[in-house]
Amino acid sequence: QVQLVESGGGLVQAGGSLRLSCAASGRSFTAYNMGWFRQAPGKEREFVAAISWGGSSTYYADSVKGRFTISRDNAKNTMYLQMNSLKSEDTAVYYCAADRLAAARTMGARTRNLEVWGQGTRVTVSS
């Protein structure tokens, strides 16, 4: 089973950009479909984006479409989330997740049951 570590969070002004990374250690990174999720204070964890094991298929929550881009570099065992045009409502702790069985297109519906989670990285967008 892989272990996941997120990085790249921080404080940014509205309209700015950040790139989050999710580094995986362990074996068989390409066996996992991967996703980004976020949890704002007082709210439930929600789906942000997902990517298939090979990187050919990507899926996004409506709230981030056109602003966020998910990608992965299997040679580096790392997944990324490029976040542009950030808004105050994007403020949250961002988590990466991985699952060998859940198809990338279904990860948003399986938030509570995904196999592996990182510890999260905090993103704060000031208005």
Foldseek 3Di string as FASTA:
>chain_A
DKAKAKDWADEEAAQAKTKMKIAIDDDDLLLKKKFKWWDDPPGDIFGAKTAHSVRPDIDGDPVQPPFWDWGADVVRRMIMIIGGRDDQVVWTWMKMFIANPDGRVCCRVCVPPTDYIYPTDTHGYHD
